[in-house]
């Protein structure tokens, strides 16, 4: 039973992590920033705060260059 629940949790985790990363990268692109800035999440505590600031910045029309 434990193995089944572990696999079910893994599927649930993958089903939520991948779209959330895609959404974060899309938001960075809307602010005309590189999606690689998402790697700031790897810095404990401070990286999350920096990304939060980036996410609340207004959209920049120049970010449409990533829509191609």
N, C-alpha and C. Protein backbone atom coordinates (compact mmCIF):
# COMPACT_ATOMS: atom_id res chain seq x y z
N UNK A 1 0.83 -1.19 0.00
CA UNK A 1 0.00 0.00 0.00
C UNK A 1 0.87 1.26 0.00
N UNK A 2 1.99 1.22 0.71
CA UNK A 2 2.88 2.38 0.79
C UNK A 2 3.52 2.70 -0.55
N UNK A 3 3.88 1.66 -1.30
CA UNK A 3 4.49 1.88 -2.62
C UNK A 3 3.48 2.51 -3.56
N UNK A 4 2.24 2.04 -3.52
CA UNK A 4 1.19 2.60 -4.37
C UNK A 4 0.96 4.08 -4.05
N UNK A 5 0.89 4.41 -2.78
CA UNK A 5 0.68 5.80 -2.39
C UNK A 5 1.87 6.68 -2.76
N UNK A 6 3.07 6.13 -2.67
CA UNK A 6 4.27 6.87 -3.07
C UNK A 6 4.25 7.16 -4.57
N UNK A 7 3.89 6.18 -5.36
CA UNK A 7 3.80 6.38 -6.81
C UNK A 7 2.69 7.36 -7.17
N UNK A 8 1.57 7.27 -6.49
CA UNK A 8 0.47 8.20 -6.71
C UNK A 8 0.89 9.63 -6.37
N UNK A 9 1.61 9.80 -5.27
CA UNK A 9 2.11 11.12 -4.89
C UNK A 9 3.12 11.63 -5.91
N UNK A 10 3.98 10.78 -6.44
CA UNK A 10 4.96 11.18 -7.45
C UNK A 10 4.26 11.66 -8.71
N UNK A 11 3.25 10.97 -9.14
CA UNK A 11 2.49 11.38 -10.33
C UNK A 11 1.82 12.73 -10.07
N UNK A 12 1.23 12.88 -8.90
CA UNK A 12 0.59 14.14 -8.53
C UNK A 12 1.61 15.27 -8.51
N UNK A 13 2.78 15.02 -7.96
CA UNK A 13 3.83 16.02 -7.87
C UNK A 13 4.29 16.45 -9.26
N UNK A 14 4.55 15.50 -10.14
CA UNK A 14 4.97 15.84 -11.49
C UNK A 14 3.89 16.57 -12.27
N UNK A 15 2.64 16.21 -12.01
CA UNK A 15 1.54 16.86 -12.71
C UNK A 15 1.36 18.32 -12.28
N UNK A 16 1.91 18.69 -11.14
CA UNK A 16 1.78 20.06 -10.68
C UNK A 16 3.07 20.87 -10.80
N UNK A 17 4.20 20.23 -10.70
CA UNK A 17 5.47 20.96 -10.77
C UNK A 17 5.76 21.45 -12.18
N UNK A 18 5.59 20.60 -13.16
CA UNK A 18 5.93 20.98 -14.54
C UNK A 18 5.10 22.17 -15.02
N UNK A 19 3.77 22.19 -14.85
CA UNK A 19 3.01 23.38 -15.27
C UNK A 19 3.35 24.63 -14.45
N UNK A 20 3.69 24.47 -13.18
CA UNK A 20 4.01 25.65 -12.38
C UNK A 20 5.34 26.27 -12.83
N UNK A 21 6.29 25.45 -13.22
CA UNK A 21 7.55 25.97 -13.75
C UNK A 21 7.30 26.68 -15.07
N UNK A 22 6.48 26.08 -15.92
CA UNK A 22 6.15 26.71 -17.20
C UNK A 22 5.45 28.04 -17.00
N UNK A 23 4.56 28.11 -16.03
CA UNK A 23 3.86 29.36 -15.74
C UNK A 23 4.83 30.42 -15.22
N UNK A 24 5.77 30.04 -14.38
CA UNK A 24 6.74 30.99 -13.85
C UNK A 24 7.65 31.53 -14.96
N UNK A 25 8.10 30.65 -15.84
CA UNK A 25 8.95 31.08 -16.94
C UNK A 25 8.16 31.99 -17.88
N UNK A 26 6.90 31.68 -18.12
CA UNK A 26 6.06 32.54 -18.97
C UNK A 26 5.90 33.93 -18.34
N UNK A 27 5.74 33.98 -17.04
CA UNK A 27 5.60 35.27 -16.35
C UNK A 27 6.88 36.07 -16.45
N UNK A 28 8.03 35.41 -16.33
CA UNK A 28 9.30 36.11 -16.50
C UNK A 28 9.43 36.65 -17.92
N UNK A 29 9.00 35.88 -18.90
CA UNK A 29 9.04 36.34 -20.28
C UNK A 29 8.12 37.53 -20.49
N UNK A 30 6.96 37.55 -19.84
CA UNK A 30 6.05 38.68 -19.96
C UNK A 30 6.66 39.96 -19.41
N UNK A 31 7.53 39.82 -18.44
CA UNK A 31 8.22 40.98 -17.87
C UNK A 31 9.51 41.28 -18.63
N UNK A 32 9.71 40.62 -19.76
CA UNK A 32 10.88 40.79 -20.62
C UNK A 32 12.17 40.38 -19.92
N UNK A 33 12.12 39.27 -19.20
CA UNK A 33 13.30 38.71 -18.55
C UNK A 33 13.52 37.29 -19.05
N UNK A 34 14.72 36.82 -18.90
CA UNK A 34 15.04 35.47 -19.33
C UNK A 34 14.39 34.44 -18.40
N UNK A 35 13.97 33.34 -18.99
CA UNK A 35 13.40 32.26 -18.20
C UNK A 35 14.43 31.58 -17.31
N UNK A 36 15.71 31.75 -17.64
CA UNK A 36 16.76 31.15 -16.82
C UNK A 36 16.84 31.80 -15.43
N UNK A 37 16.21 32.95 -15.27
CA UNK A 37 16.18 33.57 -13.94
C UNK A 37 15.38 32.72 -12.95
N UNK A 38 14.60 31.80 -13.47
CA UNK A 38 13.87 30.90 -12.57
C UNK A 38 14.83 30.07 -11.73
N UNK A 39 16.04 29.90 -12.21
CA UNK A 39 17.03 29.13 -11.45
C UNK A 39 17.42 29.82 -10.15
N UNK A 40 17.00 31.08 -9.98
CA UNK A 40 17.23 31.75 -8.70
C UNK A 40 16.52 31.04 -7.56
N UNK A 41 15.54 30.22 -7.90
CA UNK A 41 14.80 29.47 -6.89
C UNK A 41 15.74 28.53 -6.12
N UNK A 42 16.89 28.24 -6.68
CA UNK A 42 17.85 27.35 -6.03
C UNK A 42 18.58 28.01 -4.87
N UNK A 43 18.51 29.35 -4.79
CA UNK A 43 19.11 30.06 -3.66
C UNK A 43 18.12 30.01 -2.51
N UNK A 44 18.49 29.43 -1.41
CA UNK A 44 17.54 29.30 -0.29
C UNK A 44 17.03 30.66 0.19
N UNK A 45 15.73 30.73 0.40
CA UNK A 45 14.98 31.87 0.93
C UNK A 45 15.08 33.13 0.06
N UNK A 46 16.28 33.61 -0.20
CA UNK A 46 16.45 34.84 -0.95
C UNK A 46 16.00 34.69 -2.40
N UNK A 47 16.24 33.55 -3.01
CA UNK A 47 15.84 33.33 -4.39
C UNK A 47 14.33 33.42 -4.57
N UNK A 48 13.58 32.88 -3.62
CA UNK A 48 12.12 32.95 -3.69
C UNK A 48 11.63 34.38 -3.59
N UNK A 49 12.25 35.16 -2.74
CA UNK A 49 11.85 36.57 -2.59
C UNK A 49 12.16 37.37 -3.85
N UNK A 50 13.31 37.13 -4.45
CA UNK A 50 13.67 37.82 -5.68
C UNK A 50 12.67 37.47 -6.79
N UNK A 51 12.34 36.20 -6.91
CA UNK A 51 11.38 35.80 -7.93
C UNK A 51 10.00 36.39 -7.67
N UNK A 52 9.61 36.49 -6.42
CA UNK A 52 8.33 37.10 -6.08
C UNK A 52 8.28 38.55 -6.57
N UNK A 53 9.37 39.28 -6.37
CA UNK A 53 9.44 40.66 -6.85
C UNK A 53 9.35 40.69 -8.37
N UNK A 54 10.05 39.79 -9.04
CA UNK A 54 9.99 39.74 -10.50
C UNK A 54 8.59 39.41 -11.00
N UNK A 55 7.88 38.53 -10.29
CA UNK A 55 6.55 38.11 -10.72
C UNK A 55 5.53 39.23 -10.60
N UNK A 56 5.70 40.14 -9.65
CA UNK A 56 4.71 41.21 -9.49
C UNK A 56 5.03 42.44 -10.33
N UNK A 57 6.16 42.44 -11.02
CA UNK A 57 6.45 43.55 -11.92
C UNK A 57 5.43 43.59 -13.05
N UNK A 58 5.11 44.78 -13.55
CA UNK A 58 4.13 44.85 -14.65
C UNK A 58 4.70 44.24 -15.93
N UNK A 59 3.79 43.81 -16.78
CA UNK A 59 4.21 43.25 -18.07
C UNK A 59 4.86 44.32 -18.93
N UNK A 60 5.78 43.89 -19.74
CA UNK A 60 6.50 44.79 -20.63
C UNK A 60 6.18 44.37 -22.06
N UNK A 61 5.71 45.29 -22.92
CA UNK A 61 5.38 44.91 -24.30
C UNK A 61 6.56 44.32 -25.07
N UNK A 62 7.77 44.66 -24.67
CA UNK A 62 8.94 44.08 -25.34
C UNK A 62 9.07 42.60 -25.05
N UNK A 63 8.37 42.09 -24.05
CA UNK A 63 8.41 40.67 -23.73
C UNK A 63 7.70 39.82 -24.77
N UNK A 64 6.97 40.46 -25.70
CA UNK A 64 6.29 39.72 -26.76
C UNK A 64 7.28 39.07 -27.72
N UNK A 65 8.54 39.46 -27.62
CA UNK A 65 9.54 38.84 -28.52
C UNK A 65 9.71 37.36 -28.23
N UNK A 66 9.32 36.92 -27.04
CA UNK A 66 9.41 35.50 -26.70
C UNK A 66 8.22 34.71 -27.25
N UNK A 67 7.20 35.39 -27.81
CA UNK A 67 6.01 34.69 -28.29
C UNK A 67 6.23 33.99 -29.63
N UNK A 68 7.30 34.25 -30.29
CA UNK A 68 7.53 33.62 -31.59
C UNK A 68 7.70 32.15 -31.51
